[in-house]
């Protein structure tokens, strides 16, 4: 009996961990996000189903190339719950990424989603780094039609290896995957992280830290 109880407990623990690893499953056909609701829930409150229209499941923003004339040379166009209210509770989203020649999508991570990236045009260097203490770097070069997976919560990046524009599409396992760009979070926080903390963390001169904070 004790062995049976232990087995059941282990099964329930494993099942619970799997459930908590992604967005919650929907309990009805759809729960279109009511983006005007003042109700605070883990996700977005549902619109009255009687008011739902086809436009709640539609988004045309991915057909438009992003403006890559910025410091990093890339532009991410998300199609998540804020752009497509019908994604609410469905546990999936996509994004288009445009890259200028030699542009990068800088190191970042998604706290709530695994990502699979597919190259539509061009050639990309991609990679991710595992957590401490190994910090192992997995890197690949992708051609048109190739795909690569970035596990949830791990720092990853992309770089256009060509002299022409590149395009990729990403699918993510959350309606709201979130994104934390490392440089922005560390050097561009509001209010600033104390410079002496960053000096010790990155082993940099204080003037370099102040310069980096001024850039973000």
N, C-alpha and C. Protein backbone atom coordinates (compact mmCIF):
# COMPACT_ATOMS: atom_id res chain seq x y z
N UNK A 1 0.84 -1.21 0.00
CA UNK A 1 0.00 0.00 0.00
C UNK A 1 0.87 1.25 0.00
N UNK A 2 1.96 1.22 0.77
CA UNK A 2 2.86 2.38 0.84
C UNK A 2 3.50 2.64 -0.51
N UNK A 3 3.90 1.54 -1.21
CA UNK A 3 4.51 1.69 -2.53
C UNK A 3 3.50 2.28 -3.50
N UNK A 4 2.24 1.80 -3.43
CA UNK A 4 1.19 2.32 -4.32
C UNK A 4 0.96 3.80 -4.06
N UNK A 5 0.90 4.22 -2.81
CA UNK A 5 0.69 5.62 -2.45
C UNK A 5 1.83 6.49 -2.95
N UNK A 6 3.05 5.97 -2.78
CA UNK A 6 4.21 6.73 -3.25
C UNK A 6 4.18 6.90 -4.76
N UNK A 7 3.79 5.84 -5.47
CA UNK A 7 3.71 5.90 -6.94
C UNK A 7 2.68 6.92 -7.38
N UNK A 8 1.52 6.90 -6.74
CA UNK A 8 0.45 7.86 -7.07
C UNK A 8 0.92 9.27 -6.82
N UNK A 9 1.61 9.50 -5.69
CA UNK A 9 2.10 10.84 -5.35
C UNK A 9 3.09 11.33 -6.40
N UNK A 10 4.01 10.44 -6.81
CA UNK A 10 5.00 10.83 -7.82
C UNK A 10 4.32 11.14 -9.15
N UNK A 11 3.31 10.36 -9.52
CA UNK A 11 2.58 10.61 -10.77
C UNK A 11 1.87 11.96 -10.72
N UNK A 12 1.22 12.26 -9.59
CA UNK A 12 0.51 13.53 -9.46
C UNK A 12 1.50 14.70 -9.49
N UNK A 13 2.65 14.54 -8.85
CA UNK A 13 3.65 15.61 -8.84
C UNK A 13 4.16 15.87 -10.25
N UNK A 14 4.43 14.78 -10.99
CA UNK A 14 4.90 14.93 -12.37
C UNK A 14 3.84 15.58 -13.24
N UNK A 15 2.60 15.15 -13.07
CA UNK A 15 1.51 15.73 -13.86
C UNK A 15 1.35 17.20 -13.57
N UNK A 16 1.44 17.57 -12.29
CA UNK A 16 1.29 18.97 -11.91
C UNK A 16 2.41 19.80 -12.50
N UNK A 17 3.64 19.28 -12.47
CA UNK A 17 4.77 20.04 -13.02
C UNK A 17 4.59 20.25 -14.51
N UNK A 18 4.04 19.27 -15.22
CA UNK A 18 3.81 19.41 -16.66
C UNK A 18 2.74 20.45 -16.93
N UNK A 19 1.70 20.46 -16.10
CA UNK A 19 0.62 21.43 -16.27
C UNK A 19 1.15 22.85 -16.06
N UNK A 20 2.01 23.04 -15.07
CA UNK A 20 2.49 24.37 -14.74
C UNK A 20 3.56 24.87 -15.71
N UNK A 21 4.00 24.01 -16.63
CA UNK A 21 5.09 24.37 -17.53
C UNK A 21 4.63 25.19 -18.73
N UNK A 22 3.34 25.36 -18.91
CA UNK A 22 2.83 26.12 -20.05
C UNK A 22 1.53 26.80 -19.66
N UNK A 23 0.96 27.56 -20.61
CA UNK A 23 -0.30 28.24 -20.33
C UNK A 23 -1.38 27.23 -19.97
N UNK A 24 -2.35 27.67 -19.18
CA UNK A 24 -3.45 26.79 -18.79
C UNK A 24 -4.31 26.43 -19.99
N UNK A 25 -4.86 25.22 -19.97
CA UNK A 25 -5.73 24.78 -21.05
C UNK A 25 -7.06 25.52 -20.98
N UNK A 26 -7.67 25.83 -22.15
CA UNK A 26 -8.96 26.51 -22.15
C UNK A 26 -10.07 25.57 -21.67
N UNK A 27 -11.10 26.16 -21.08
CA UNK A 27 -12.24 25.40 -20.58
C UNK A 27 -13.48 25.63 -21.43
N UNK A 28 -13.33 26.34 -22.54
CA UNK A 28 -14.44 26.55 -23.47
C UNK A 28 -13.85 26.73 -24.87
N UNK A 29 -14.71 26.89 -25.86
CA UNK A 29 -14.23 26.98 -27.25
C UNK A 29 -13.24 28.12 -27.41
N UNK A 30 -13.55 29.27 -26.83
CA UNK A 30 -12.64 30.41 -26.88
C UNK A 30 -12.94 31.35 -25.73
N UNK A 31 -11.96 32.20 -25.44
CA UNK A 31 -12.10 33.22 -24.40
C UNK A 31 -11.43 34.47 -24.94
N UNK A 32 -12.09 35.13 -25.88
CA UNK A 32 -11.51 36.30 -26.53
C UNK A 32 -11.21 37.36 -25.49
N UNK A 33 -10.00 37.89 -25.52
CA UNK A 33 -9.57 38.86 -24.51
C UNK A 33 -10.37 40.15 -24.60
N UNK A 34 -10.85 40.59 -23.46
CA UNK A 34 -11.48 41.91 -23.35
C UNK A 34 -10.40 42.87 -22.87
N UNK A 35 -9.75 43.54 -23.82
CA UNK A 35 -8.60 44.38 -23.49
C UNK A 35 -8.99 45.66 -22.78
N UNK A 36 -10.29 45.91 -22.65
CA UNK A 36 -10.77 47.10 -21.93
C UNK A 36 -11.18 46.77 -20.50
N UNK A 37 -11.18 45.50 -20.15
CA UNK A 37 -11.65 45.09 -18.83
C UNK A 37 -10.71 45.57 -17.74
N UNK A 38 -11.29 45.97 -16.61
CA UNK A 38 -10.52 46.38 -15.44
C UNK A 38 -10.32 45.23 -14.46
N UNK A 39 -10.83 44.05 -14.81
CA UNK A 39 -10.69 42.88 -13.96
C UNK A 39 -9.27 42.34 -14.09
N UNK A 40 -8.60 42.11 -12.97
CA UNK A 40 -7.24 41.62 -12.97
C UNK A 40 -7.24 40.11 -12.73
N UNK A 41 -6.79 39.37 -13.75
CA UNK A 41 -6.70 37.92 -13.65
C UNK A 41 -5.35 37.49 -14.20
N UNK A 42 -5.01 36.21 -14.03
CA UNK A 42 -3.77 35.68 -14.60
C UNK A 42 -4.00 35.38 -16.07
N UNK A 43 -3.85 36.40 -16.88
CA UNK A 43 -4.21 36.34 -18.29
C UNK A 43 -5.02 37.58 -18.60
N UNK A 44 -6.06 37.42 -19.39
CA UNK A 44 -6.95 38.54 -19.71
C UNK A 44 -8.39 38.06 -19.57
N UNK A 45 -9.24 38.91 -19.01
CA UNK A 45 -10.65 38.56 -18.85
C UNK A 45 -11.31 38.33 -20.20
N UNK A 46 -12.36 37.51 -20.21
CA UNK A 46 -13.04 37.15 -21.45
C UNK A 46 -14.09 38.19 -21.85
N UNK A 47 -14.17 38.41 -23.15
CA UNK A 47 -15.25 39.21 -23.72
C UNK A 47 -16.53 38.37 -23.72
N UNK A 48 -17.67 39.02 -23.64
CA UNK A 48 -18.95 38.33 -23.77
C UNK A 48 -18.98 37.60 -25.11
N UNK A 49 -19.17 36.27 -25.12
CA UNK A 49 -19.15 35.53 -26.39
C UNK A 49 -20.12 36.07 -27.43
N UNK A 50 -21.20 36.69 -26.98
CA UNK A 50 -22.17 37.23 -27.93
C UNK A 50 -21.61 38.42 -28.70
N UNK A 51 -20.55 39.03 -28.19
CA UNK A 51 -19.96 40.20 -28.84
C UNK A 51 -18.73 39.86 -29.68
N UNK A 52 -18.35 38.59 -29.69
CA UNK A 52 -17.15 38.16 -30.42
C UNK A 52 -17.41 38.21 -31.92
N UNK A 53 -16.40 38.69 -32.66
CA UNK A 53 -16.47 38.75 -34.12
C UNK A 53 -15.22 38.12 -34.72
N UNK A 54 -15.27 37.89 -36.04
CA UNK A 54 -14.13 37.28 -36.73
C UNK A 54 -12.87 38.10 -36.57
N UNK A 55 -13.01 39.43 -36.50
CA UNK A 55 -11.83 40.29 -36.36
C UNK A 55 -11.06 40.02 -35.08
N UNK A 56 -11.71 39.42 -34.07
CA UNK A 56 -11.02 39.11 -32.83
C UNK A 56 -9.97 38.02 -33.02
N UNK A 57 -10.04 37.30 -34.13
CA UNK A 57 -9.09 36.22 -34.41
C UNK A 57 -8.16 36.56 -35.57
N UNK A 58 -8.16 37.83 -35.98
CA UNK A 58 -7.46 38.24 -37.19
C UNK A 58 -6.41 39.30 -36.90
N UNK A 59 -5.29 39.23 -37.64
CA UNK A 59 -4.23 40.23 -37.52
C UNK A 59 -3.47 40.28 -38.83
N UNK A 60 -3.34 41.46 -39.41
CA UNK A 60 -2.67 41.57 -40.71
C UNK A 60 -1.27 42.17 -40.59
N UNK A 61 -0.76 42.35 -39.37
CA UNK A 61 0.51 43.03 -39.19
C UNK A 61 1.72 42.24 -39.63
N UNK A 62 1.59 40.93 -39.79
CA UNK A 62 2.75 40.12 -40.15
C UNK A 62 3.09 40.21 -41.63
N UNK A 63 2.21 40.80 -42.42
CA UNK A 63 2.51 40.93 -43.84
C UNK A 63 3.43 42.12 -44.13
N UNK A 64 3.61 42.98 -43.12
CA UNK A 64 4.37 44.22 -43.29
C UNK A 64 5.78 44.05 -42.73
N UNK A 65 6.78 44.40 -43.52
CA UNK A 65 8.17 44.33 -43.06
C UNK A 65 8.41 45.32 -41.94
N UNK A 66 9.14 44.90 -40.91
CA UNK A 66 9.46 45.79 -39.79
C UNK A 66 10.56 46.76 -40.15
N UNK A 67 10.57 47.90 -39.47
CA UNK A 67 11.58 48.94 -39.70
C UNK A 67 12.86 48.57 -38.95
N UNK A 68 13.91 48.23 -39.69
CA UNK A 68 15.16 47.78 -39.07
C UNK A 68 16.21 48.88 -38.95
N UNK A 69 15.80 50.11 -39.17
CA UNK A 69 16.76 51.22 -39.09
C UNK A 69 16.93 51.66 -37.63
N UNK A 70 17.53 50.80 -36.84
CA UNK A 70 17.78 51.08 -35.43
C UNK A 70 19.17 50.56 -35.07
N UNK A 71 19.54 50.70 -33.82
CA UNK A 71 20.91 50.39 -33.40
C UNK A 71 21.28 48.92 -33.58
N UNK A 72 20.30 48.03 -33.44
CA UNK A 72 20.61 46.59 -33.54
C UNK A 72 20.33 46.02 -34.92
N UNK A 73 19.57 46.75 -35.74
CA UNK A 73 19.31 46.29 -37.10
C UNK A 73 18.29 45.18 -37.20
N UNK A 74 17.29 45.19 -36.33
CA UNK A 74 16.22 44.20 -36.43
C UNK A 74 14.93 44.79 -35.88
N UNK A 75 13.83 44.14 -36.22
CA UNK A 75 12.52 44.56 -35.72
C UNK A 75 11.65 43.32 -35.54
N UNK A 76 11.12 43.16 -34.32
CA UNK A 76 10.21 42.06 -34.02
C UNK A 76 8.78 42.57 -34.06
N UNK A 77 7.95 41.90 -34.84
CA UNK A 77 6.52 42.22 -34.90
C UNK A 77 5.75 41.08 -34.26
N UNK A 78 5.25 41.25 -33.03
CA UNK A 78 4.57 40.15 -32.35
C UNK A 78 3.12 40.01 -32.80
N UNK A 79 2.64 38.79 -32.71
CA UNK A 79 1.22 38.51 -32.88
C UNK A 79 0.81 37.65 -31.69
N UNK A 80 0.65 38.34 -30.56
CA UNK A 80 0.29 37.70 -29.30
C UNK A 80 -1.10 38.20 -28.88
N UNK A 81 -1.45 37.98 -27.63
CA UNK A 81 -2.82 38.26 -27.21
C UNK A 81 -3.19 39.73 -27.34
N UNK A 82 -2.23 40.64 -27.21
CA UNK A 82 -2.55 42.06 -27.35
C UNK A 82 -2.85 42.43 -28.79
N UNK A 83 -2.31 41.66 -29.74
CA UNK A 83 -2.60 41.92 -31.15
C UNK A 83 -3.78 41.09 -31.67
N UNK A 84 -3.94 39.88 -31.12
CA UNK A 84 -5.02 38.98 -31.52
C UNK A 84 -5.76 38.55 -30.26
N UNK A 85 -6.82 39.24 -29.87
CA UNK A 85 -7.51 38.90 -28.62
C UNK A 85 -8.00 37.45 -28.58
N UNK A 86 -8.27 36.87 -29.74
CA UNK A 86 -8.74 35.48 -29.78
C UNK A 86 -7.72 34.46 -29.32
N UNK A 87 -6.45 34.86 -29.17
CA UNK A 87 -5.43 33.94 -28.66
C UNK A 87 -5.55 33.69 -27.17
N UNK A 88 -6.32 34.52 -26.47
CA UNK A 88 -6.43 34.39 -25.02
C UNK A 88 -6.79 32.96 -24.63
N UNK A 89 -6.02 32.38 -23.74
CA UNK A 89 -6.14 31.03 -23.17
C UNK A 89 -5.72 29.92 -24.13
N UNK A 90 -5.29 30.23 -25.35
CA UNK A 90 -4.96 29.18 -26.31
C UNK A 90 -3.50 28.75 -26.27
N UNK A 91 -2.65 29.47 -25.54
CA UNK A 91 -1.30 29.00 -25.28
C UNK A 91 -0.36 29.02 -26.47
N UNK A 92 -0.55 29.97 -27.38
CA UNK A 92 0.32 30.04 -28.54
C UNK A 92 0.36 31.46 -29.05
N UNK A 93 1.47 31.83 -29.69
CA UNK A 93 1.59 33.12 -30.37
C UNK A 93 2.69 33.00 -31.40
N UNK A 94 2.80 34.01 -32.26
CA UNK A 94 3.85 34.01 -33.28
C UNK A 94 4.46 35.41 -33.34
N UNK A 95 5.57 35.50 -34.06
CA UNK A 95 6.20 36.80 -34.28
C UNK A 95 6.96 36.76 -35.59
N UNK A 96 7.01 37.92 -36.25
CA UNK A 96 7.85 38.08 -37.42
C UNK A 96 9.09 38.87 -37.00
N UNK A 97 10.25 38.43 -37.48
CA UNK A 97 11.49 39.15 -37.18
C UNK A 97 12.15 39.53 -38.50
N UNK A 98 12.37 40.83 -38.69
CA UNK A 98 13.08 41.34 -39.85
C UNK A 98 14.48 41.77 -39.44
N UNK A 99 15.46 41.47 -40.29
CA UNK A 99 16.85 41.78 -40.00
C UNK A 99 17.46 42.58 -41.15
N UNK A 100 18.11 43.68 -40.83
CA UNK A 100 18.91 44.38 -41.81
C UNK A 100 20.18 43.56 -42.07
N UNK A 101 20.92 43.85 -43.14
CA UNK A 101 22.19 43.16 -43.33
C UNK A 101 23.08 43.24 -42.09
N UNK A 102 23.49 42.08 -41.60
CA UNK A 102 24.33 41.95 -40.40
C UNK A 102 23.63 42.44 -39.13
N UNK A 103 22.32 42.62 -39.20
CA UNK A 103 21.56 43.01 -38.01
C UNK A 103 21.43 41.84 -37.04
N UNK A 104 21.17 42.16 -35.78
CA UNK A 104 21.01 41.13 -34.75
C UNK A 104 19.67 41.30 -34.03
N UNK A 105 19.16 40.20 -33.53
CA UNK A 105 18.13 40.22 -32.50
C UNK A 105 18.89 39.93 -31.21
N UNK A 106 19.16 40.94 -30.38
CA UNK A 106 20.14 40.82 -29.31
C UNK A 106 19.76 39.78 -28.25
N UNK A 107 20.73 39.33 -27.46
CA UNK A 107 20.46 38.32 -26.44
C UNK A 107 19.26 38.70 -25.55
N UNK A 108 18.33 37.76 -25.44
CA UNK A 108 17.11 37.98 -24.68
C UNK A 108 16.56 36.62 -24.28
N UNK A 109 15.49 36.62 -23.49
CA UNK A 109 14.82 35.36 -23.17
C UNK A 109 13.33 35.61 -23.01
N UNK A 110 12.55 34.53 -23.13
CA UNK A 110 11.11 34.58 -22.94
C UNK A 110 10.78 33.84 -21.65
N UNK A 111 10.28 34.54 -20.64
CA UNK A 111 10.06 33.88 -19.34
C UNK A 111 8.94 32.85 -19.35
N UNK A 112 8.05 32.91 -20.36
CA UNK A 112 6.89 32.03 -20.33
C UNK A 112 6.74 31.15 -21.56
N UNK A 113 7.77 31.04 -22.40
CA UNK A 113 7.55 30.29 -23.64
C UNK A 113 8.82 29.70 -24.21
N UNK A 114 8.67 28.51 -24.79
CA UNK A 114 9.65 27.95 -25.71
C UNK A 114 9.37 28.54 -27.09
N UNK A 115 10.44 28.71 -27.87
CA UNK A 115 10.30 29.31 -29.20
C UNK A 115 10.89 28.39 -30.26
N UNK A 116 10.21 28.29 -31.40
CA UNK A 116 10.79 27.64 -32.57
C UNK A 116 10.82 28.67 -33.69
N UNK A 117 12.01 28.90 -34.23
CA UNK A 117 12.25 29.95 -35.22
C UNK A 117 12.51 29.29 -36.58
N UNK A 118 11.83 29.80 -37.61
CA UNK A 118 12.01 29.31 -38.98
C UNK A 118 12.44 30.45 -39.88
N UNK A 119 13.48 30.23 -40.67
CA UNK A 119 13.99 31.25 -41.58
C UNK A 119 13.18 31.24 -42.88
N UNK A 120 12.66 32.40 -43.26
CA UNK A 120 11.92 32.53 -44.51
C UNK A 120 12.79 33.08 -45.63
N UNK A 121 13.67 34.00 -45.29
CA UNK A 121 14.59 34.58 -46.26
C UNK A 121 15.93 34.84 -45.60
N UNK A 122 17.01 34.56 -46.33
CA UNK A 122 18.33 34.88 -45.82
C UNK A 122 18.98 33.75 -45.07
N UNK A 123 20.01 34.10 -44.32
CA UNK A 123 20.81 33.14 -43.55
C UNK A 123 21.08 33.73 -42.17
N UNK A 124 20.81 32.96 -41.13
CA UNK A 124 20.94 33.45 -39.76
C UNK A 124 21.87 32.57 -38.94
N UNK A 125 22.72 33.22 -38.13
CA UNK A 125 23.40 32.54 -37.04
C UNK A 125 22.50 32.65 -35.82
N UNK A 126 22.25 31.53 -35.15
CA UNK A 126 21.39 31.53 -33.97
C UNK A 126 22.10 30.78 -32.85
N UNK A 127 21.69 31.06 -31.62
CA UNK A 127 22.27 30.32 -30.52
C UNK A 127 21.54 30.59 -29.21
N UNK A 128 21.74 29.68 -28.26
CA UNK A 128 21.25 29.90 -26.90
C UNK A 128 22.29 29.37 -25.92
N UNK A 129 22.17 29.84 -24.66
CA UNK A 129 23.12 29.48 -23.61
C UNK A 129 22.36 28.84 -22.46
N UNK A 130 22.87 27.72 -21.98
CA UNK A 130 22.21 27.03 -20.87
C UNK A 130 22.46 27.78 -19.55
N UNK A 131 21.76 27.36 -18.52
CA UNK A 131 21.84 28.03 -17.22
C UNK A 131 23.13 27.66 -16.49
N UNK A 132 23.40 28.38 -15.38
CA UNK A 132 24.57 28.12 -14.56
C UNK A 132 24.54 26.68 -14.02
N UNK A 133 25.68 26.06 -13.78
CA UNK A 133 27.03 26.62 -13.94
C UNK A 133 27.65 26.34 -15.30
N UNK A 134 27.00 25.52 -16.16
CA UNK A 134 27.65 25.14 -17.42
C UNK A 134 27.74 26.31 -18.40
N UNK A 135 26.64 27.09 -18.54
CA UNK A 135 26.61 28.18 -19.52
C UNK A 135 27.08 27.70 -20.89
N UNK A 136 26.57 26.55 -21.31
CA UNK A 136 26.98 25.98 -22.59
C UNK A 136 26.28 26.70 -23.74
N UNK A 137 27.05 27.04 -24.75
CA UNK A 137 26.54 27.79 -25.91
C UNK A 137 26.24 26.82 -27.05
N UNK A 138 24.97 26.74 -27.44
CA UNK A 138 24.57 25.96 -28.60
C UNK A 138 24.36 26.93 -29.77
N UNK A 139 25.06 26.70 -30.88
CA UNK A 139 25.04 27.62 -32.00
C UNK A 139 24.80 26.85 -33.29
N UNK A 140 24.10 27.50 -34.23
CA UNK A 140 23.88 26.90 -35.56
C UNK A 140 23.74 28.01 -36.59
N UNK A 141 23.95 27.66 -37.85
CA UNK A 141 23.71 28.56 -38.97
C UNK A 141 22.52 28.02 -39.75
N UNK A 142 21.50 28.85 -39.91
CA UNK A 142 20.27 28.44 -40.57
C UNK A 142 20.15 29.06 -41.95
N UNK A 143 19.70 28.24 -42.89
CA UNK A 143 19.38 28.72 -44.22
C UNK A 143 17.87 28.78 -44.39
N UNK A 144 17.42 29.30 -45.50
CA UNK A 144 15.99 29.42 -45.79
C UNK A 144 15.30 28.07 -45.62
N UNK A 145 14.24 28.05 -44.81
CA UNK A 145 13.50 26.82 -44.55
C UNK A 145 13.94 26.07 -43.31
N UNK A 146 15.10 26.41 -42.74
CA UNK A 146 15.58 25.73 -41.54
C UNK A 146 14.88 26.26 -40.28
N UNK A 147 14.83 25.42 -39.26
CA UNK A 147 14.20 25.80 -37.99
C UNK A 147 15.13 25.48 -36.83
N UNK A 148 14.94 26.20 -35.71
CA UNK A 148 15.77 26.00 -34.52
C UNK A 148 14.91 26.30 -33.30
N UNK A 149 15.13 25.55 -32.22
CA UNK A 149 14.34 25.68 -31.00
C UNK A 149 15.16 26.36 -29.91
N UNK A 150 14.53 27.32 -29.22
CA UNK A 150 15.11 27.97 -28.04
C UNK A 150 14.27 27.56 -26.83
N UNK A 151 14.81 26.77 -25.90
CA UNK A 151 14.05 26.33 -24.73
C UNK A 151 13.59 27.50 -23.86
N UNK A 152 12.49 27.30 -23.19
CA UNK A 152 11.88 28.35 -22.37
C UNK A 152 12.87 28.87 -21.33
N UNK A 153 12.93 30.21 -21.21
CA UNK A 153 13.71 30.85 -20.17
C UNK A 153 15.20 30.95 -20.41
N UNK A 154 15.71 30.45 -21.55
CA UNK A 154 17.14 30.51 -21.81
C UNK A 154 17.48 31.68 -22.73
N UNK A 155 18.63 32.30 -22.46
CA UNK A 155 19.09 33.44 -23.25
C UNK A 155 19.44 32.98 -24.66
N UNK A 156 18.94 33.69 -25.68
CA UNK A 156 19.21 33.33 -27.06
C UNK A 156 19.29 34.58 -27.93
N UNK A 157 19.72 34.39 -29.18
CA UNK A 157 19.96 35.52 -30.07
C UNK A 157 19.92 35.04 -31.51
N UNK A 158 19.87 35.99 -32.44
CA UNK A 158 20.02 35.70 -33.86
C UNK A 158 20.85 36.81 -34.51
N UNK A 159 21.57 36.44 -35.60
CA UNK A 159 22.33 37.43 -36.36
C UNK A 159 22.21 37.12 -37.85
N UNK A 160 21.92 38.15 -38.63
CA UNK A 160 21.87 38.02 -40.08
C UNK A 160 23.31 37.92 -40.60
N UNK A 161 23.60 36.85 -41.30
CA UNK A 161 24.95 36.63 -41.81
C UNK A 161 25.15 37.15 -43.23
N UNK A 162 24.11 37.74 -43.81
CA UNK A 162 24.20 38.15 -45.19
C UNK A 162 24.21 39.64 -45.40
N UNK A 163 24.46 40.03 -46.66
CA UNK A 163 24.48 41.45 -47.04
C UNK A 163 23.12 41.91 -47.56
N UNK A 164 22.11 41.04 -47.43
CA UNK A 164 20.74 41.40 -47.79
C UNK A 164 19.84 41.19 -46.58
N UNK A 165 18.62 41.70 -46.66
CA UNK A 165 17.68 41.55 -45.55
C UNK A 165 17.33 40.08 -45.33
N UNK A 166 17.00 39.74 -44.10
CA UNK A 166 16.56 38.40 -43.74
C UNK A 166 15.23 38.50 -42.99
N UNK A 167 14.45 37.41 -43.06
CA UNK A 167 13.15 37.34 -42.39
C UNK A 167 13.02 35.99 -41.71
N UNK A 168 12.50 35.98 -40.50
CA UNK A 168 12.21 34.73 -39.81
C UNK A 168 10.85 34.85 -39.12
N UNK A 169 10.20 33.71 -38.91
CA UNK A 169 8.97 33.64 -38.14
C UNK A 169 9.21 32.76 -36.93
N UNK A 170 8.69 33.19 -35.79
CA UNK A 170 8.83 32.44 -34.55
C UNK A 170 7.46 32.04 -34.03
N UNK A 171 7.33 30.80 -33.59
CA UNK A 171 6.14 30.33 -32.89
C UNK A 171 6.52 30.12 -31.43
N UNK A 172 5.64 30.56 -30.52
CA UNK A 172 5.94 30.52 -29.09
C UNK A 172 4.80 29.87 -28.33
N UNK A 173 5.15 29.14 -27.27
CA UNK A 173 4.18 28.33 -26.55
C UNK A 173 3.46 29.08 -25.44
N UNK A 174 3.09 30.32 -25.71
CA UNK A 174 2.31 31.11 -24.76
C UNK A 174 1.57 32.19 -25.51
N UNK A 175 0.39 32.56 -25.02
CA UNK A 175 -0.34 33.68 -25.61
C UNK A 175 0.37 35.00 -25.31
N UNK A 176 1.21 35.00 -24.29
CA UNK A 176 1.93 36.21 -23.87
C UNK A 176 3.31 35.80 -23.37
N UNK A 177 4.22 35.47 -24.29
CA UNK A 177 5.50 34.89 -23.88
C UNK A 177 6.39 35.81 -23.08
N UNK A 178 6.22 37.13 -23.26
CA UNK A 178 7.11 38.08 -22.60
C UNK A 178 8.49 38.04 -23.21
N UNK A 179 9.22 39.13 -23.06
CA UNK A 179 10.60 39.17 -23.54
C UNK A 179 11.41 40.08 -22.63
N UNK A 180 12.60 39.63 -22.27
CA UNK A 180 13.52 40.44 -21.47
C UNK A 180 14.84 40.49 -22.23
N UNK A 181 15.16 41.66 -22.81
CA UNK A 181 16.42 41.84 -23.50
C UNK A 181 17.50 42.15 -22.46
N UNK A 182 18.57 41.37 -22.47
CA UNK A 182 19.55 41.42 -21.39
C UNK A 182 20.14 42.82 -21.21
N UNK A 183 20.60 43.42 -22.28
CA UNK A 183 21.24 44.74 -22.16
C UNK A 183 20.26 45.77 -21.63
N UNK A 184 19.03 45.75 -22.14
CA UNK A 184 18.03 46.72 -21.68
C UNK A 184 17.71 46.53 -20.21
N UNK A 185 17.59 45.27 -19.79
CA UNK A 185 17.24 44.99 -18.40
C UNK A 185 18.36 45.40 -17.45
N UNK A 186 19.61 45.14 -17.84
CA UNK A 186 20.74 45.39 -16.96
C UNK A 186 21.14 46.87 -16.94
N UNK A 187 21.24 47.47 -18.14
CA UNK A 187 21.75 48.84 -18.23
C UNK A 187 20.65 49.89 -18.42
N UNK A 188 19.42 49.45 -18.68
CA UNK A 188 18.36 50.40 -18.95
C UNK A 188 17.19 50.33 -17.99
N UNK A 189 17.40 49.74 -16.82
CA UNK A 189 16.30 49.62 -15.86
C UNK A 189 15.91 50.98 -15.30
N UNK A 190 14.68 51.06 -14.80
CA UNK A 190 14.17 52.29 -14.19
C UNK A 190 13.65 51.99 -12.79
N UNK A 191 14.26 52.53 -11.73
CA UNK A 191 15.49 53.33 -11.75
C UNK A 191 16.72 52.47 -12.05
N UNK A 192 17.86 53.10 -12.25
CA UNK A 192 19.09 52.38 -12.58
C UNK A 192 19.47 51.39 -11.49
N UNK A 193 20.08 50.27 -11.91
CA UNK A 193 20.78 49.43 -10.95
C UNK A 193 22.03 50.18 -10.52
N UNK A 194 22.35 50.16 -9.25
CA UNK A 194 23.51 50.89 -8.74
C UNK A 194 24.75 50.50 -9.53
N UNK A 195 25.53 51.52 -9.95
CA UNK A 195 26.68 51.27 -10.82
C UNK A 195 27.72 50.37 -10.16
N UNK A 196 27.87 50.45 -8.83
CA UNK A 196 28.87 49.61 -8.18
C UNK A 196 28.48 48.13 -8.25
N UNK A 197 27.17 47.87 -8.31
CA UNK A 197 26.71 46.49 -8.48
C UNK A 197 27.14 45.97 -9.85
N UNK A 198 26.94 46.79 -10.89
CA UNK A 198 27.30 46.38 -12.25
C UNK A 198 28.80 46.32 -12.44
N UNK A 199 29.55 47.20 -11.77
CA UNK A 199 31.01 47.15 -11.84
C UNK A 199 31.52 45.80 -11.36
N UNK A 200 30.99 45.33 -10.22
CA UNK A 200 31.42 44.05 -9.68
C UNK A 200 30.89 42.88 -10.50
N UNK A 201 29.65 42.99 -10.97
CA UNK A 201 29.03 41.88 -11.71
C UNK A 201 29.73 41.64 -13.05
N UNK A 202 30.08 42.72 -13.75
CA UNK A 202 30.67 42.60 -15.08
C UNK A 202 32.18 42.83 -15.10
N UNK A 203 32.74 43.14 -13.92
CA UNK A 203 34.19 43.40 -13.84
C UNK A 203 34.59 44.50 -14.83
N UNK A 204 33.85 45.60 -14.80
CA UNK A 204 34.09 46.73 -15.69
C UNK A 204 34.48 47.96 -14.89
N UNK A 205 35.12 48.89 -15.56
CA UNK A 205 35.42 50.19 -14.96
C UNK A 205 34.11 50.96 -14.77
N UNK A 206 34.04 51.75 -13.71
CA UNK A 206 32.83 52.50 -13.41
C UNK A 206 32.41 53.43 -14.53
N UNK A 207 33.36 54.03 -15.23
CA UNK A 207 33.03 54.93 -16.33
C UNK A 207 32.40 54.18 -17.50
N UNK A 208 32.86 52.94 -17.70
CA UNK A 208 32.27 52.11 -18.76
C UNK A 208 30.82 51.79 -18.42
N UNK A 209 30.56 51.46 -17.16
CA UNK A 209 29.19 51.17 -16.73
C UNK A 209 28.29 52.38 -16.93
N UNK A 210 28.77 53.55 -16.54
CA UNK A 210 27.97 54.76 -16.70
C UNK A 210 27.70 55.04 -18.18
N UNK A 211 28.71 54.77 -19.03
CA UNK A 211 28.53 54.96 -20.47
C UNK A 211 27.46 53.99 -20.98
N UNK A 212 27.53 52.72 -20.56
CA UNK A 212 26.54 51.74 -21.00
C UNK A 212 25.14 52.13 -20.54
N UNK A 213 25.02 52.61 -19.32
CA UNK A 213 23.70 53.04 -18.83
C UNK A 213 23.17 54.23 -19.64
N UNK A 214 24.06 55.09 -20.11
CA UNK A 214 23.63 56.24 -20.91
C UNK A 214 23.11 55.81 -22.28
N UNK A 215 23.54 54.63 -22.76
CA UNK A 215 23.11 54.15 -24.07
C UNK A 215 21.74 53.51 -24.04
N UNK A 216 21.29 53.15 -22.85
CA UNK A 216 20.00 52.47 -22.73
C UNK A 216 19.03 53.26 -21.87
